[in-house]
Each structure stands twice: as structure tokens, then as C-alpha cells.
PDB file of N, CA and C in Angstrom:
ATOM      1  N   MET A   1     125.769 158.153 150.628  1.00  0.00           N
ATOM      2  CA  MET A   1     124.404 158.257 151.090  1.00  0.00           C
ATOM      3  C   MET A   1     123.876 156.866 151.398  1.00  0.00           C
ATOM      4  N   THR A   2     123.212 156.746 152.518  1.00  0.00           N
ATOM      5  CA  THR A   2     122.606 155.482 152.909  1.00  0.00           C
ATOM      6  C   THR A   2     121.232 155.376 152.272  1.00  0.00           C
ATOM      7  N   GLN A   3     120.959 154.218 151.707  1.00  0.00           N
ATOM      8  CA  GLN A   3     119.672 154.000 151.073  1.00  0.00           C
ATOM      9  C   GLN A   3     118.824 153.091 151.954  1.00  0.00           C
ATOM     10  N   ILE A   4     117.574 153.437 152.107  1.00  0.00           N
ATOM     11  CA  ILE A   4     116.642 152.648 152.903  1.00  0.00           C
ATOM     12  C   ILE A   4     115.663 151.978 151.962  1.00  0.00           C
ATOM     13  N   CYS A   5     115.545 150.680 152.094  1.00  0.00           N
ATOM     14  CA  CYS A   5     114.583 149.945 151.269  1.00  0.00           C
ATOM     15  C   CYS A   5     113.274 149.820 152.043  1.00  0.00           C
ATOM     16  N   VAL A   6     112.190 150.080 151.356  1.00  0.00           N
ATOM     17  CA  VAL A   6     110.868 150.018 151.987  1.00  0.00           C
ATOM     18  C   VAL A   6     110.043 148.961 151.271  1.00  0.00           C
ATOM     19  N   ASP A   7     109.582 147.986 152.009  1.00  0.00           N
ATOM     20  CA  ASP A   7     108.702 146.974 151.460  1.00  0.00           C
ATOM     21  C   ASP A   7     107.328 147.607 151.250  1.00  0.00           C
ATOM     22  N   MET A   8     106.849 147.606 150.032  1.00  0.00           N
ATOM     23  CA  MET A   8     105.595 148.287 149.698  1.00  0.00           C
ATOM     24  C   MET A   8     104.410 147.720 150.479  1.00  0.00           C
ATOM     25  N   GLU A   9     104.333 146.426 150.641  1.00  0.00           N
ATOM     26  CA  GLU A   9     103.219 145.824 151.381  1.00  0.00           C
ATOM     27  C   GLU A   9     103.258 146.213 152.854  1.00  0.00           C
ATOM     28  N   PHE A  10     104.458 146.258 153.416  1.00  0.00           N
ATOM     29  CA  PHE A  10     104.604 146.689 154.802  1.00  0.00           C
ATOM     30  C   PHE A  10     104.167 148.142 154.947  1.00  0.00           C
ATOM     31  N   ALA A  11     104.626 149.006 154.043  1.00  0.00           N
ATOM     32  CA  ALA A  11     104.268 150.423 154.091  1.00  0.00           C
ATOM     33  C   ALA A  11     102.760 150.606 153.962  1.00  0.00           C
ATOM     34  N   ARG A  12     102.155 149.903 153.029  1.00  0.00           N
ATOM     35  CA  ARG A  12     100.698 149.994 152.857  1.00  0.00           C
ATOM     36  C   ARG A  12      99.960 149.541 154.111  1.00  0.00           C
ATOM     37  N   ALA A  13     100.438 148.464 154.721  1.00  0.00           N
ATOM     38  CA  ALA A  13      99.783 147.943 155.924  1.00  0.00           C
ATOM     39  C   ALA A  13      99.865 148.948 157.069  1.00  0.00           C
ATOM     40  N   ILE A  14     101.050 149.520 157.276  1.00  0.00           N
ATOM     41  CA  ILE A  14     101.225 150.485 158.370  1.00  0.00           C
ATOM     42  C   ILE A  14     100.421 151.758 158.086  1.00  0.00           C
ATOM     43  N   LEU A  15     100.510 152.263 156.857  1.00  0.00           N
ATOM     44  CA  LEU A  15      99.745 153.467 156.501  1.00  0.00           C
ATOM     45  C   LEU A  15      98.248 153.210 156.586  1.00  0.00           C
ATOM     46  N   GLY A  16      97.826 152.054 156.118  1.00  0.00           N
ATOM     47  CA  GLY A  16      96.408 151.701 156.173  1.00  0.00           C
ATOM     48  C   GLY A  16      95.894 151.610 157.600  1.00  0.00           C
ATOM     49  N   ALA A  17      96.692 151.014 158.471  1.00  0.00           N
ATOM     50  CA  ALA A  17      96.298 150.907 159.890  1.00  0.00           C
ATOM     51  C   ALA A  17      96.206 152.285 160.524  1.00  0.00           C
ATOM     52  N   SER A  18      97.148 153.145 160.209  1.00  0.00           N
ATOM     53  CA  SER A  18      97.131 154.498 160.761  1.00  0.00           C
ATOM     54  C   SER A  18      95.931 155.286 160.239  1.00  0.00           C
ATOM     55  N   TYR A  19      95.629 155.114 158.953  1.00  0.00           N
ATOM     56  CA  TYR A  19      94.483 155.795 158.346  1.00  0.00           C
ATOM     57  C   TYR A  19      93.171 155.289 158.958  1.00  0.00           C
ATOM     58  N   THR A  20      93.065 153.977 159.116  1.00  0.00           N
ATOM     59  CA  THR A  20      91.866 153.389 159.713  1.00  0.00           C
ATOM     60  C   THR A  20      91.688 153.852 161.153  1.00  0.00           C
ATOM     61  N   THR A  21      92.781 153.914 161.891  1.00  0.00           N
ATOM     62  CA  THR A  21      92.717 154.394 163.268  1.00  0.00           C
ATOM     63  C   THR A  21      92.192 155.825 163.314  1.00  0.00           C
ATOM     64  N   ALA A  22      92.720 156.679 162.425  1.00  0.00           N
ATOM     65  CA  ALA A  22      92.254 158.070 162.385  1.00  0.00           C
ATOM     66  C   ALA A  22      90.767 158.134 162.037  1.00  0.00           C
ATOM     67  N   LYS A  23      90.335 157.340 161.068  1.00  0.00           N
ATOM     68  CA  LYS A  23      88.918 157.341 160.677  1.00  0.00           C
ATOM     69  C   LYS A  23      88.028 156.807 161.797  1.00  0.00           C
ATOM     70  N   ASN A  24      88.519 155.826 162.536  1.00  0.00           N
ATOM     71  CA  ASN A  24      87.736 155.262 163.642  1.00  0.00           C
ATOM     72  C   ASN A  24      87.602 156.223 164.813  1.00  0.00           C
ATOM     73  N   HIS A  25      88.418 157.251 164.840  1.00  0.00           N
ATOM     74  CA  HIS A  25      88.369 158.232 165.922  1.00  0.00           C
ATOM     75  C   HIS A  25      87.641 159.517 165.522  1.00  0.00           C
ATOM     76  N   LEU A  26      87.002 159.518 164.359  1.00  0.00           N
ATOM     77  CA  LEU A  26      86.261 160.710 163.935  1.00  0.00           C
ATOM     78  C   LEU A  26      85.251 161.114 164.999  1.00  0.00           C
ATOM     79  N   GLY A  27      85.301 162.372 165.394  1.00  0.00           N
ATOM     80  CA  GLY A  27      84.342 162.898 166.348  1.00  0.00           C
ATOM     81  C   GLY A  27      84.589 162.517 167.793  1.00  0.00           C
ATOM     82  N   LYS A  28      85.647 161.773 168.060  1.00  0.00           N
ATOM     83  CA  LYS A  28      85.942 161.368 169.435  1.00  0.00           C
ATOM     84  C   LYS A  28      86.943 162.327 170.061  1.00  0.00           C
ATOM     85  N   ASN A  29      87.064 162.281 171.369  1.00  0.00           N
ATOM     86  CA  ASN A  29      87.945 163.208 172.087  1.00  0.00           C
ATOM     87  C   ASN A  29      89.399 163.128 171.647  1.00  0.00           C
ATOM     88  N   ASP A  30      89.842 161.944 171.246  1.00  0.00           N
ATOM     89  CA  ASP A  30      91.250 161.776 170.876  1.00  0.00           C
ATOM     90  C   ASP A  30      91.475 161.773 169.361  1.00  0.00           C
ATOM     91  N   GLU A  31      90.552 162.373 168.624  1.00  0.00           N
ATOM     92  CA  GLU A  31      90.693 162.402 167.167  1.00  0.00           C
ATOM     93  C   GLU A  31      91.957 163.132 166.732  1.00  0.00           C
ATOM     94  N   MET A  32      92.273 164.269 167.358  1.00  0.00           N
ATOM     95  CA  MET A  32      93.477 165.015 166.959  1.00  0.00           C
ATOM     96  C   MET A  32      94.734 164.180 167.193  1.00  0.00           C
ATOM     97  N   TYR A  33      94.751 163.400 168.254  1.00  0.00           N
ATOM     98  CA  TYR A  33      95.883 162.517 168.533  1.00  0.00           C
ATOM     99  C   TYR A  33      96.044 161.490 167.413  1.00  0.00           C
ATOM    100  N   ALA A  34      94.945 160.887 166.985  1.00  0.00           N
ATOM    101  CA  ALA A  34      94.981 159.895 165.905  1.00  0.00           C
ATOM    102  C   ALA A  34      95.400 160.545 164.588  1.00  0.00           C
ATOM    103  N   LEU A  35      94.938 161.767 164.344  1.00  0.00           N
ATOM    104  CA  LEU A  35      95.336 162.485 163.129  1.00  0.00           C
ATOM    105  C   LEU A  35      96.833 162.788 163.143  1.00  0.00           C
ATOM    106  N   GLY A  36      97.358 163.133 164.306  1.00  0.00           N
ATOM    107  CA  GLY A  36      98.795 163.365 164.433  1.00  0.00           C
ATOM    108  C   GLY A  36      99.593 162.111 164.137  1.00  0.00           C
ATOM    109  N   GLY A  37      99.092 160.978 164.593  1.00  0.00           N
ATOM    110  CA  GLY A  37      99.744 159.703 164.307  1.00  0.00           C
ATOM    111  C   GLY A  37      99.749 159.391 162.825  1.00  0.00           C
ATOM    112  N   LEU A  38      98.639 159.668 162.161  1.00  0.00           N
ATOM    113  CA  LEU A  38      98.549 159.444 160.719  1.00  0.00           C
ATOM    114  C   LEU A  38      99.522 160.339 159.974  1.00  0.00           C
ATOM    115  N   GLU A  39      99.552 161.607 160.325  1.00  0.00           N
ATOM    116  CA  GLU A  39     100.457 162.527 159.630  1.00  0.00           C
ATOM    117  C   GLU A  39     101.916 162.133 159.849  1.00  0.00           C
ATOM    118  N   ALA A  40     102.261 161.799 161.088  1.00  0.00           N
ATOM    119  CA  ALA A  40     103.641 161.414 161.391  1.00  0.00           C
ATOM    120  C   ALA A  40     104.043 160.149 160.628  1.00  0.00           C
ATOM    121  N   THR A  41     103.162 159.173 160.589  1.00  0.00           N
ATOM    122  CA  THR A  41     103.445 157.928 159.878  1.00  0.00           C
ATOM    123  C   THR A  41     103.614 158.187 158.385  1.00  0.00           C
ATOM    124  N   ALA A  42     102.713 158.970 157.816  1.00  0.00           N
ATOM    125  CA  ALA A  42     102.800 159.284 156.391  1.00  0.00           C
ATOM    126  C   ALA A  42     104.075 160.050 156.075  1.00  0.00           C
ATOM    127  N   ASN A  43     104.440 160.990 156.931  1.00  0.00           N
ATOM    128  CA  ASN A  43     105.664 161.764 156.699  1.00  0.00           C
ATOM    129  C   ASN A  43     106.908 160.892 156.807  1.00  0.00           C
ATOM    130  N   LEU A  44     106.923 159.969 157.757  1.00  0.00           N
ATOM    131  CA  LEU A  44     108.065 159.079 157.913  1.00  0.00           C
ATOM    132  C   LEU A  44     108.264 158.222 156.661  1.00  0.00           C
ATOM    133  N   PHE A  45     107.201 157.601 156.190  1.00  0.00           N
ATOM    134  CA  PHE A  45     107.325 156.769 154.991  1.00  0.00           C
ATOM    135  C   PHE A  45     107.644 157.617 153.757  1.00  0.00           C
ATOM    136  N   TYR A  46     107.143 158.830 153.714  1.00  0.00           N
ATOM    137  CA  TYR A  46     107.477 159.708 152.587  1.00  0.00           C
ATOM    138  C   TYR A  46     108.973 160.001 152.567  1.00  0.00           C
ATOM    139  N   ILE A  47     109.533 160.316 153.719  1.00  0.00           N
ATOM    140  CA  ILE A  47     110.973 160.587 153.805  1.00  0.00           C
ATOM    141  C   ILE A  47     111.771 159.368 153.360  1.00  0.00           C
ATOM    142  N   MET A  48     111.309 158.186 153.726  1.00  0.00           N
ATOM    143  CA  MET A  48     112.009 156.968 153.338  1.00  0.00           C
ATOM    144  C   MET A  48     111.887 156.689 151.841  1.00  0.00           C
ATOM    145  N   ALA A  49     110.829 157.175 151.206  1.00  0.00           N
ATOM    146  CA  ALA A  49     110.581 156.872 149.796  1.00  0.00           C
ATOM    147  C   ALA A  49     110.938 158.006 148.853  1.00  0.00           C
ATOM    148  N   VAL A  50     111.283 159.178 149.369  1.00  0.00           N
ATOM    149  CA  VAL A  50     111.398 160.375 148.538  1.00  0.00           C
ATOM    150  C   VAL A  50     112.432 160.253 147.418  1.00  0.00           C
ATOM    151  N   ASN A  51     113.522 159.571 147.632  1.00  0.00           N
ATOM    152  CA  ASN A  51     114.530 159.442 146.581  1.00  0.00           C
ATOM    153  C   ASN A  51     114.423 158.138 145.806  1.00  0.00           C
ATOM    154  N   SER A  52     113.368 157.412 146.040  1.00  0.00           N
ATOM    155  CA  SER A  52     113.158 156.156 145.330  1.00  0.00           C
ATOM    156  C   SER A  52     112.331 156.420 144.073  1.00  0.00           C
ATOM    157  N   LYS A  53     112.160 155.391 143.325  1.00  0.00           N
ATOM    158  CA  LYS A  53     111.313 155.493 142.134  1.00  0.00           C
ATOM    159  C   LYS A  53     109.885 155.048 142.446  1.00  0.00           C
ATOM    160  N   ASN A  54     109.578 154.915 143.718  1.00  0.00           N
ATOM    161  CA  ASN A  54     108.275 154.433 144.143  1.00  0.00           C
ATOM    162  C   ASN A  54     107.308 155.611 144.296  1.00  0.00           C
ATOM    163  N   THR A  55     106.846 156.121 143.171  1.00  0.00           N
ATOM    164  CA  THR A  55     105.951 157.283 143.204  1.00  0.00           C
ATOM    165  C   THR A  55     104.596 156.943 143.814  1.00  0.00           C
ATOM    166  N   GLU A  56     104.183 155.685 143.705  1.00  0.00           N
ATOM    167  CA  GLU A  56     102.901 155.285 144.298  1.00  0.00           C
ATOM    168  C   GLU A  56     102.933 155.475 145.814  1.00  0.00           C
ATOM    169  N   LEU A  57     104.015 155.049 146.453  1.00  0.00           N
ATOM    170  CA  LEU A  57     104.148 155.217 147.902  1.00  0.00           C
ATOM    171  C   LEU A  57     104.249 156.693 148.261  1.00  0.00           C
ATOM    172  N   GLN A  58     105.005 157.460 147.492  1.00  0.00           N
ATOM    173  CA  GLN A  58     105.139 158.893 147.753  1.00  0.00           C
ATOM    174  C   GLN A  58     103.778 159.589 147.685  1.00  0.00           C
ATOM    175  N   GLU A  59     103.000 159.257 146.667  1.00  0.00           N
ATOM    176  CA  GLU A  59     101.678 159.883 146.499  1.00  0.00           C
ATOM    177  C   GLU A  59     100.726 159.477 147.621  1.00  0.00           C
ATOM    178  N   MET A  60     100.780 158.211 148.026  1.00  0.00           N
ATOM    179  CA  MET A  60      99.925 157.744 149.123  1.00  0.00           C
ATOM    180  C   MET A  60     100.265 158.487 150.407  1.00  0.00           C
ATOM    181  N   CYS A  61     101.547 158.630 150.686  1.00  0.00           N
ATOM    182  CA  CYS A  61     101.985 159.336 151.889  1.00  0.00           C
ATOM    183  C   CYS A  61     101.540 160.794 151.857  1.00  0.00           C
ATOM    184  N   HIS A  62     101.717 161.420 150.711  1.00  0.00           N
ATOM    185  CA  HIS A  62     101.323 162.826 150.570  1.00  0.00           C
ATOM    186  C   HIS A  62      99.818 162.984 150.787  1.00  0.00           C
ATOM    187  N   ARG A  63      99.036 162.095 150.193  1.00  0.00           N
ATOM    188  CA  ARG A  63      97.573 162.165 150.307  1.00  0.00           C
ATOM    189  C   ARG A  63      97.125 161.973 151.760  1.00  0.00           C
ATOM    190  N   TYR A  64      97.705 160.999 152.456  1.00  0.00           N
ATOM    191  CA  TYR A  64      97.307 160.740 153.839  1.00  0.00           C
ATOM    192  C   TYR A  64      97.706 161.884 154.766  1.00  0.00           C
ATOM    193  N   ALA A  65      98.906 162.425 154.571  1.00  0.00           N
ATOM    194  CA  ALA A  65      99.330 163.567 155.396  1.00  0.00           C
ATOM    195  C   ALA A  65      98.424 164.768 155.138  1.00  0.00           C
ATOM    196  N   GLU A  66      98.099 164.990 153.877  1.00  0.00           N
ATOM    197  CA  GLU A  66      97.218 166.116 153.535  1.00  0.00           C
ATOM    198  C   GLU A  66      95.820 165.918 154.100  1.00  0.00           C
ATOM    199  N   ASP A  67      95.285 164.702 154.004  1.00  0.00           N
ATOM    200  CA  ASP A  67      93.969 164.413 154.589  1.00  0.00           C
ATOM    201  C   ASP A  67      93.970 164.691 156.092  1.00  0.00           C
ATOM    202  N   SER A  68      95.048 164.287 156.750  1.00  0.00           N
ATOM    203  CA  SER A  68      95.164 164.499 158.187  1.00  0.00           C
ATOM    204  C   SER A  68      95.171 165.987 158.526  1.00  0.00           C
ATOM    205  N   LEU A  69      95.974 166.760 157.811  1.00  0.00           N
ATOM    206  CA  LEU A  69      96.041 168.203 158.069  1.00  0.00           C
ATOM    207  C   LEU A  69      94.724 168.900 157.752  1.00  0.00           C
ATOM    208  N   ASN A  70      94.070 168.491 156.684  1.00  0.00           N
ATOM    209  CA  ASN A  70      92.788 169.108 156.336  1.00  0.00           C
ATOM    210  C   ASN A  70      91.744 168.854 157.422  1.00  0.00           C
ATOM    211  N   ARG A  71      91.691 167.624 157.921  1.00  0.00           N
ATOM    212  CA  ARG A  71      90.734 167.310 158.987  1.00  0.00           C
ATOM    213  C   ARG A  71      91.087 168.060 160.270  1.00  0.00           C
ATOM    214  N   TYR A  72      92.381 168.154 160.560  1.00  0.00           N
ATOM    215  CA  TYR A  72      92.834 168.894 161.735  1.00  0.00           C
ATOM    216  C   TYR A  72      92.374 170.347 161.649  1.00  0.00           C
ATOM    217  N   GLU A  73      92.522 170.954 160.478  1.00  0.00           N
ATOM    218  CA  GLU A  73      92.078 172.346 160.297  1.00  0.00           C
ATOM    219  C   GLU A  73      90.570 172.476 160.473  1.00  0.00           C
ATOM    220  N   GLU A  74      89.806 171.494 159.983  1.00  0.00           N
ATOM    221  CA  GLU A  74      88.351 171.508 160.184  1.00  0.00           C
ATOM    222  C   GLU A  74      88.022 171.500 161.669  1.00  0.00           C
ATOM    223  N   LEU A  75      88.706 170.646 162.410  1.00  0.00           N
ATOM    224  CA  LEU A  75      88.461 170.573 163.851  1.00  0.00           C
ATOM    225  C   LEU A  75      88.817 171.885 164.537  1.00  0.00           C
ATOM    226  N   CYS A  76      89.904 172.500 164.117  1.00  0.00           N
ATOM    227  CA  CYS A  76      90.303 173.784 164.710  1.00  0.00           C
ATOM    228  C   CYS A  76      89.266 174.849 164.424  1.00  0.00           C
ATOM    229  N   GLU A  77      88.734 174.864 163.210  1.00  0.00           N
ATOM    230  CA  GLU A  77      87.692 175.835 162.862  1.00  0.00           C
ATOM    231  C   GLU A  77      86.435 175.579 163.682  1.00  0.00           C
ATOM    232  N   ASP A  78      86.045 174.306 163.800  1.00  0.00           N
ATOM    233  CA  ASP A  78      84.852 173.957 164.572  1.00  0.00           C
ATOM    234  C   ASP A  78      84.998 174.340 166.039  1.00  0.00           C
ATOM    235  N   GLN A  79      86.199 174.202 166.562  1.00  0.00           N
ATOM    236  CA  GLN A  79      86.447 174.483 167.972  1.00  0.00           C
ATOM    237  C   GLN A  79      86.999 175.887 168.199  1.00  0.00           C
ATOM    238  N   LYS A  80      87.075 176.674 167.113  1.00  0.00           N
ATOM    239  CA  LYS A  80      87.573 178.049 167.185  1.00  0.00           C
ATOM    240  C   LYS A  80      88.994 178.105 167.760  1.00  0.00           C
ATOM    241  N   VAL A  81      89.835 177.165 167.302  1.00  0.00           N
ATOM    242  CA  VAL A  81      91.221 177.092 167.740  1.00  0.00           C
ATOM    243  C   VAL A  81      92.098 177.584 166.595  1.00  0.00           C
ATOM    244  N   ALA A  82      93.007 178.498 166.887  1.00  0.00           N
ATOM    245  CA  ALA A  82      93.921 179.004 165.872  1.00  0.00           C
ATOM    246  C   ALA A  82      95.061 178.006 165.690  1.00  0.00           C
ATOM    247  N   SER A  83      95.338 177.658 164.431  1.00  0.00           N
ATOM    248  CA  SER A  83      96.445 176.742 164.164  1.00  0.00           C
ATOM    249  C   SER A  83      97.025 177.004 162.800  1.00  0.00           C
ATOM    250  N   ASN A  84      98.343 176.926 162.723  1.00  0.00           N
ATOM    251  CA  ASN A  84      99.050 177.009 161.455  1.00  0.00           C
ATOM    252  C   ASN A  84      99.871 175.739 161.256  1.00  0.00           C
ATOM    253  N   LEU A  85      99.540 174.687 161.948  1.00  0.00           N
ATOM    254  CA  LEU A  85     100.313 173.447 161.929  1.00  0.00           C
ATOM    255  C   LEU A  85     100.533 172.965 160.495  1.00  0.00           C
ATOM    256  N   GLY A  86     101.795 172.820 160.123  1.00  0.00           N
ATOM    257  CA  GLY A  86     102.138 172.261 158.828  1.00  0.00           C
ATOM    258  C   GLY A  86     101.807 173.119 157.642  1.00  0.00           C
ATOM    259  N   ARG A  87     101.535 174.384 157.850  1.00  0.00           N
ATOM    260  CA  ARG A  87     101.095 175.236 156.748  1.00  0.00           C
ATOM    261  C   ARG A  87     102.054 176.394 156.511  1.00  0.00           C
ATOM    262  N   GLY A  88     103.336 176.142 156.456  1.00  0.00           N
ATOM    263  CA  GLY A  88     104.324 177.147 156.103  1.00  0.00           C
ATOM    264  C   GLY A  88     104.361 178.326 157.063  1.00  0.00           C
ATOM    265  N   LEU A  89     104.712 178.048 158.279  1.00  0.00           N
ATOM    266  CA  LEU A  89     104.777 179.101 159.288  1.00  0.00           C
ATOM    267  C   LEU A  89     105.857 180.108 158.933  1.00  0.00           C
ATOM    268  N   SER A  90     105.582 181.363 159.150  1.00  0.00           N
ATOM    269  CA  SER A  90     106.609 182.392 158.968  1.00  0.00           C
ATOM    270  C   SER A  90     106.870 183.022 160.328  1.00  0.00           C
ATOM    271  N   GLY A  91     108.130 183.261 160.586  1.00  0.00           N
ATOM    272  CA  GLY A  91     108.413 183.694 161.933  1.00  0.00           C
ATOM    273  C   GLY A  91     109.085 184.983 161.992  1.00  0.00           C
TER     274      GLY A  91
END
């Protein structure tokens, strides 16, 4: 198995920038795009950290991805858009 090392300061900086970008786009036309970027970034770092002992990074990634999905669902409700994105789709 290949192990990926993640610099915690780098991860925090990238996650923080993505989170700030999403927050700066609140209520704007491209808010969903920014939320998608935040979720994707958080998921990527989570995958890189999942087998590490870095629970702080794992929790941060989980929290940011969840915040992104929760806001996305709020927007869908406000705009009357049906979405099951990231919520255990059954087919």
C-alpha cells in the first residue's frame, strides 16, 4: 500500500481557502459552484488522511464537507430543487 504524507499546515491552508471562498459566495449566483469546490477539497484531504493517525484533519474534512452539503440542501429547498447529492442514493 502506498502511503501519502499530508502536511497539516498545507492541508489547513487549502481547506481554509476553500471554506473562505464558499463563505464569500453566500447568496451569489455561483454559490453552489463554490460549495462543490469545498466539498471536493474536503473529501480529497479526507481520503488522504483516512488511514493516518491525524484525527484532527479527518474531523476538519468531515465538518467542512458536511457544512457544504447542508448549505447545498438549504439552497435546493429555497429554490425548490430536488437533490439527493451525497445523501446515500438508492438505485
